[in-house]
Protein backbone atom coordinates (compact mmCIF):
# COMPACT_ATOMS: atom_id res chain seq x y z
CA MET A 1 5.88 -25.31 -14.57
CA ARG A 2 6.23 -26.18 -10.87
CA LEU A 3 10.01 -26.23 -11.32
CA ILE A 4 10.35 -22.96 -13.22
CA TYR A 5 7.48 -20.96 -11.70
CA ALA A 6 9.41 -19.24 -8.89
CA PRO A 7 12.60 -18.27 -10.80
CA LEU A 8 10.55 -17.22 -13.84
CA PHE A 9 8.26 -15.07 -11.70
CA PHE A 10 11.08 -13.50 -9.68
CA PHE A 11 13.66 -12.83 -12.37
CA GLY A 12 11.10 -12.15 -15.11
CA TYR A 13 9.27 -9.36 -13.30
CA ILE A 14 12.41 -7.80 -11.85
CA ALA A 15 14.09 -7.85 -15.28
CA LEU A 16 11.07 -6.06 -16.75
CA ALA A 17 11.21 -3.49 -13.94
CA LEU A 18 14.93 -2.91 -14.56
CA TRP A 19 14.20 -2.34 -18.24
CA LEU A 20 11.40 0.12 -17.51
CA VAL A 21 13.45 2.16 -15.04
CA GLY A 22 16.64 1.91 -17.09
CA HIS A 23 14.83 3.35 -20.10
CA GLN A 24 13.31 6.12 -17.94
CA HIS A 25 9.70 5.12 -18.47
CA ASN A 26 6.99 6.68 -16.33
CA PRO A 27 7.14 5.17 -12.79
CA LEU A 28 3.43 4.40 -13.07
CA TRP A 29 4.43 1.53 -15.35
CA LEU A 30 5.91 -0.16 -12.28
CA LEU A 31 2.48 -0.05 -10.65
CA ALA A 32 0.97 -1.63 -13.75
CA LEU A 33 3.68 -4.29 -13.67
CA LEU A 34 2.97 -4.99 -10.01
CA LEU A 35 -0.72 -5.38 -10.79
CA ALA A 36 0.20 -7.87 -13.53
CA ALA A 37 2.35 -9.77 -11.00
CA ILE A 38 -0.55 -9.93 -8.52
CA LEU A 39 -2.90 -11.23 -11.22
CA SER A 40 -0.42 -13.83 -12.47
CA SER A 41 0.19 -14.90 -8.87
CA ARG A 42 -3.53 -15.50 -8.44
CA LEU A 43 -3.62 -17.39 -11.74
CA GLY A 44 -0.74 -19.64 -10.65
CA GLU A 45 -2.51 -20.36 -7.36
CA ALA A 46 -5.67 -21.31 -9.23
CA LEU A 47 -3.88 -23.63 -11.67
CA MET A 48 -1.25 -25.19 -9.37
CA PRO A 49 -2.39 -24.81 -5.75
CA TYR A 50 -0.26 -26.12 -2.91
CA LYS A 51 -3.42 -26.32 -0.80
CA PRO A 52 -6.73 -26.07 -2.71
CA ALA A 53 -8.46 -25.10 0.55
CA TRP A 54 -6.24 -22.00 0.80
CA ASN A 55 -7.80 -20.67 -2.39
CA GLN A 56 -11.16 -20.18 -0.64
CA HIS A 57 -11.33 -16.42 -0.12
CA ARG A 58 -13.94 -16.47 2.69
CA ASP A 59 -14.99 -12.87 1.93
CA GLN A 60 -11.49 -11.56 2.74
CA GLY A 61 -10.95 -9.81 -0.59
CA PRO A 62 -11.97 -6.27 0.52
CA ARG A 63 -9.76 -6.48 3.62
CA ASP A 64 -6.78 -7.71 1.60
CA LEU A 65 -7.31 -4.93 -0.92
CA CYS A 66 -7.32 -2.31 1.85
CA HIS A 67 -4.06 -3.65 3.26
CA ALA A 68 -2.43 -3.68 -0.18
CA LEU A 69 -3.59 -0.18 -1.14
CA VAL A 70 -2.54 1.40 2.16
CA ASN A 71 0.84 -0.33 2.37
CA GLU A 72 1.78 0.18 -1.27
CA SER A 73 0.76 3.85 -0.92
CA LEU A 74 3.12 4.11 2.05
CA ASN A 75 5.87 2.62 -0.10
CA MET A 76 5.29 5.17 -2.84
CA ALA A 77 5.18 8.02 -0.32
CA SER A 78 8.48 6.92 1.21
CA ILE A 79 10.10 6.80 -2.24
CA ALA A 80 8.78 10.27 -3.05
CA CYS A 81 10.33 11.55 0.20
CA ILE A 82 13.84 10.35 -0.64
CA PRO A 83 15.04 13.72 -2.03
CA LEU A 84 13.79 15.45 1.12
CA LEU A 85 15.39 12.86 3.39
CA ALA A 86 18.64 13.13 1.47
CA SER A 87 18.75 16.86 2.18
CA TRP A 88 18.50 16.15 5.92
CA LEU A 89 21.07 13.35 6.05
CA PRO A 90 24.83 13.84 5.74
CA ALA A 91 26.06 13.39 2.18
CA THR A 92 28.48 10.46 2.23
CA GLY A 93 28.76 9.91 -1.52
CA LEU A 94 29.38 6.21 -0.84
CA TRP A 95 26.65 4.83 -3.07
CA PRO A 96 28.20 3.18 -6.20
CA GLY A 97 26.11 5.10 -8.69
CA HIS A 98 28.54 4.20 -11.50
CA TRP A 99 27.63 0.52 -11.22
CA PRO A 100 25.12 -1.01 -13.66
CA LEU A 101 21.56 -0.58 -12.41
CA ALA A 102 21.14 -4.33 -11.84
CA LEU A 103 24.17 -4.45 -9.54
CA GLN A 104 22.96 -1.39 -7.63
CA LEU A 105 19.64 -3.16 -7.10
CA LEU A 106 21.40 -6.32 -5.94
CA LEU A 107 23.38 -4.34 -3.36
CA ALA A 108 20.21 -2.59 -2.19
CA ILE A 109 18.39 -5.92 -1.82
CA VAL A 110 21.17 -7.49 0.26
CA LEU A 111 21.50 -4.53 2.63
CA ALA A 112 17.75 -3.93 2.92
CA ASP A 113 17.13 -7.62 3.50
CA LEU A 114 19.47 -7.64 6.49
CA GLY A 115 17.69 -4.69 8.10
CA ILE A 116 14.20 -6.03 7.39
CA THR A 117 15.15 -9.49 8.69
CA LEU A 118 16.43 -8.02 11.98
CA VAL A 119 13.22 -5.99 12.46
CA HIS A 120 11.22 -9.13 11.69
CA TYR A 121 13.28 -11.16 14.17
CA ALA A 122 12.78 -8.50 16.84
CA SER A 123 9.04 -8.52 16.16
CA HIS A 124 8.88 -12.11 17.41
CA ARG A 125 10.90 -11.26 20.53
CA SER A 126 9.27 -7.98 21.62
CA ALA A 127 5.69 -8.09 22.90
CA ALA A 128 5.00 -4.56 21.67
CA LEU A 129 6.29 -5.26 18.16
CA TRP A 130 4.51 -8.60 18.05
CA ARG A 131 1.15 -6.93 18.64
CA LEU A 132 1.72 -4.96 15.42
CA HIS A 133 3.21 -7.89 13.52
CA ALA A 134 0.41 -10.26 14.58
CA VAL A 135 -1.84 -8.75 11.90
CA HIS A 136 0.35 -10.41 9.28
CA HIS A 137 0.27 -13.77 11.07
CA SER A 138 -3.46 -13.76 11.72
CA VAL A 139 -4.34 -15.31 8.36
CA THR A 140 -5.26 -18.99 8.47
CA ARG A 141 -4.28 -19.66 4.86
CA LEU A 142 -1.29 -18.57 2.81
CA TYR A 143 -1.61 -16.87 -0.56
CA GLY A 144 0.44 -14.31 -2.44
CA PHE A 145 -1.62 -11.30 -1.37
CA ASN A 146 -0.95 -12.18 2.29
CA GLY A 147 2.57 -10.83 1.80
CA LEU A 148 1.15 -7.32 1.37
CA MET A 149 -1.03 -7.65 4.47
CA LYS A 150 0.65 -5.80 7.36
CA HIS A 151 -0.25 -3.25 9.98
CA PRO A 152 0.80 0.13 8.53
CA LEU A 153 2.93 0.97 11.58
CA HIS A 154 4.81 -2.29 11.28
CA GLN A 155 5.26 -1.60 7.58
CA VAL A 156 6.86 1.73 8.48
CA LEU A 157 9.21 0.07 10.99
CA GLU A 158 10.30 -2.56 8.47
CA THR A 159 10.85 0.11 5.83
CA LEU A 160 13.00 2.16 8.19
CA GLY A 161 14.97 -0.91 9.22
CA GLY A 162 15.58 -1.85 5.62
CA THR A 163 16.39 1.54 4.13
CA PHE A 164 18.02 3.73 6.78
CA ALA A 165 21.55 2.51 6.04
CA LEU A 166 20.84 2.77 2.30
CA LEU A 167 19.74 6.37 2.67
CA LEU A 168 22.93 7.18 4.56
CA LEU A 169 24.88 5.70 1.66
CA GLY A 170 22.98 7.90 -0.80
CA LEU A 171 20.43 5.49 -2.30
CA PRO A 172 19.15 6.97 -5.62
CA GLN A 173 15.42 7.30 -6.12
CA ASP A 174 15.32 5.00 -9.15
CA VAL A 175 17.05 2.20 -7.21
CA ALA A 176 14.63 2.79 -4.33
CA MET A 177 11.71 2.29 -6.73
CA LEU A 178 13.23 -0.95 -7.97
CA LEU A 179 13.86 -2.11 -4.41
CA ALA A 180 10.26 -1.47 -3.37
CA PHE A 181 9.03 -3.32 -6.45
CA SER A 182 11.38 -6.26 -5.78
CA VAL A 183 10.18 -6.50 -2.18
CA SER A 184 6.57 -6.74 -3.38
CA ILE A 185 7.49 -9.44 -5.91
CA GLN A 186 9.34 -11.39 -3.22
CA LEU A 187 6.40 -11.11 -0.81
CA LEU A 188 4.06 -12.49 -3.48
CA LEU A 189 6.37 -15.47 -3.97
CA GLN A 190 7.11 -15.97 -0.29
CA HIS A 191 3.47 -16.37 0.68
CA SER A 192 2.28 -17.99 -2.54
CA ASN A 193 -0.14 -20.91 -2.57
CA VAL A 194 1.50 -22.23 -5.76
CA ASP A 195 2.89 -25.75 -5.48
CA MET A 196 6.35 -24.62 -6.59
CA ARG A 197 9.36 -26.96 -6.50
CA ILE A 198 12.52 -24.95 -5.86
CA GLY A 199 15.07 -27.68 -5.06
CA TRP A 200 18.56 -26.33 -4.24
CA LEU A 201 17.32 -22.75 -4.70
CA ARG A 202 15.93 -23.00 -1.15
CA HIS A 203 19.51 -22.31 -0.02
CA VAL A 204 19.49 -19.02 -1.95
CA PHE A 205 15.93 -17.65 -1.89
CA ALA A 206 13.35 -17.60 0.91
CA TRP A 207 10.44 -18.52 -1.34
CA ALA A 208 7.20 -20.19 -0.24
CA PRO A 209 8.51 -23.73 0.51
CA VAL A 210 10.93 -22.11 2.99
CA HIS A 211 8.76 -19.34 4.41
CA ARG A 212 5.57 -21.36 4.96
CA LEU A 213 7.16 -22.90 8.05
CA HIS A 214 7.41 -19.42 9.56
CA HIS A 215 3.61 -19.24 9.69
CA PHE A 216 3.09 -22.30 11.91
CA LYS A 217 0.46 -21.49 14.52
CA TYR A 218 2.05 -23.62 17.24
CA GLY A 219 3.67 -21.16 19.64
CA ARG A 220 7.42 -20.73 19.08
CA THR A 221 7.53 -23.40 16.40
CA GLY A 222 7.11 -20.69 13.77
CA ASP A 223 10.00 -18.57 15.05
CA VAL A 224 12.11 -19.69 12.10
CA ASN A 225 12.92 -18.53 8.56
CA PHE A 226 12.66 -14.79 9.20
CA ALA A 227 14.54 -13.62 6.10
CA LEU A 228 12.73 -11.80 3.34
CA PHE A 229 15.07 -12.60 0.44
CA LEU A 230 18.11 -14.57 1.62
CA PRO A 231 18.07 -17.66 3.91
CA LEU A 232 21.70 -16.80 4.69
CA TRP A 233 20.54 -14.50 7.48
CA ASP A 234 18.59 -17.31 9.15
CA ARG A 235 21.63 -19.55 9.05
CA LEU A 236 23.61 -16.81 10.79
CA LEU A 237 20.81 -16.26 13.33
CA GLY A 238 20.42 -20.01 13.91
CA THR A 239 16.76 -19.86 12.86
CA ALA A 240 16.83 -21.81 9.58
CA LEU A 241 14.42 -24.72 9.29
CA TYR A 242 13.57 -27.04 6.42
CA LEU A 243 11.16 -29.96 6.63
CA PRO A 244 11.31 -31.74 3.26
CA GLY A 245 9.10 -34.60 4.36
CA TYR A 246 6.29 -32.54 5.83
CA ALA A 247 3.33 -31.18 3.87
CA LEU A 248 1.49 -28.48 5.77
CA ALA A 249 -2.05 -29.29 6.81
CA ASP A 250 -4.86 -26.96 5.79
CA ASP A 251 -5.09 -25.60 9.35
CA ASP A 252 -1.38 -25.40 10.29
CA VAL A 253 -1.05 -21.60 9.93
CA GLY A 254 -2.32 -18.65 11.92
CA ILE A 255 -1.98 -17.62 15.57
CA GLY A 256 -2.77 -20.68 17.64
CA ASP A 257 -3.44 -18.81 20.87
CA ARG A 258 -5.65 -16.20 19.16
CA PRO A 259 -8.26 -18.11 17.16
CA ASP A 260 -10.56 -15.12 17.69
CA TYR A 261 -8.22 -12.60 16.01
CA PRO A 262 -10.37 -10.07 14.09
CA VAL A 263 -10.55 -10.42 10.32
CA ALA A 264 -11.98 -7.00 9.33
CA TYR A 265 -9.50 -4.33 8.23
CA LEU A 266 -10.32 -1.57 10.73
CA ALA A 267 -10.60 -4.08 13.56
CA GLN A 268 -7.12 -5.35 12.73
CA LEU A 269 -5.74 -1.80 12.86
CA ARG A 270 -7.23 -1.36 16.35
CA GLU A 271 -6.27 -4.76 17.70
CA PRO A 272 -2.69 -3.95 18.83
CA TRP A 273 -4.11 -1.47 21.36
CA ARG A 274 -6.89 -3.66 22.70
CA PRO A 275 -6.41 -5.76 25.84
CA GLY A 276 -6.65 -9.44 25.14
CA GLN A 277 -6.30 -12.75 26.90
CA PRO A 278 -4.69 -15.37 24.66
CA THR A 279 -5.84 -18.94 25.01
CA PRO A 280 -3.32 -21.78 25.52
CA PRO A 281 -1.15 -22.42 22.45
CA ALA A 282 -2.42 -24.91 19.90
CA PRO A 283 -0.80 -28.32 20.53
CA LEU A 284 1.68 -29.68 18.01
CA PRO A 285 0.06 -32.34 15.81
CA ALA A 286 1.84 -35.71 15.88
CA PRO A 287 3.06 -35.62 12.22
CA LEU A 288 4.67 -32.23 12.72
CA ARG A 289 6.24 -33.28 16.02
CA GLN A 290 7.75 -36.28 14.26
CA ALA A 291 9.00 -34.16 11.33
CA LEU A 292 10.63 -31.69 13.70
CA GLY A 293 12.36 -34.53 15.49
CA GLU A 294 13.69 -35.91 12.20
CA ARG A 295 14.52 -32.59 10.50
CA MET A 296 17.46 -32.70 8.16
CA GLU A 297 18.99 -29.38 9.14
CA PRO A 298 18.70 -27.01 12.12
């Protein structure tokens, strides 16, 4: 199960979504499918945890639910606005609407992933963007639901970065629905606490064993593995990192210079506009320093 969990989860749910949309079922079925994915993600984390300590919710459930409801509602609103946006943008007619739906989705994923990755990369270089993005990094444990935990304004920026070029090409609404669903599935996998073994697939998909390193709390050490779907972008940016011999410690993730980052939902929404004095960065533990020195690939 550890070997097949990630590909079964990813391709299984996206295949079901393609079938639902391809057969013109009510879009609400995609919401039901996403709920099933969230529940099965939680089940996998309970049965095969990477870190048992990361399964301790610490009364964070209501906050996580607020983040998920707000951000998924923003996704649905943006999809509903596509016909209006299309009327404002120049009609290029470049979108390959004659392709099979699966190939249209693949094209949308590749192009959206590039835009989202660049916004993500910029969010670790710009102080203003980082203050918004820090909400996502403030968690001190990784779990599937963490992927849906973002400041709404940063969610909007990532959505614009990922879809603007697609809208100019004439992205259809049904492909946009599938893209939004696929992003949510990928986020669940990317932040999962399941002890998945992905082997050579780490070169193709930025699933949890790749993305966990991005959440290191040790200053710039986590400025790696920015891609949402495809590690290819990190190789091109020079930010790819893989540490096969290092198992994350229970307390390796978070924001090392902000151990006091608020955990309540409304407080997290306000935090980007509050003055703050970060403490010195958390020091690199010796095992991680050794692993970084012996890493197999840059």
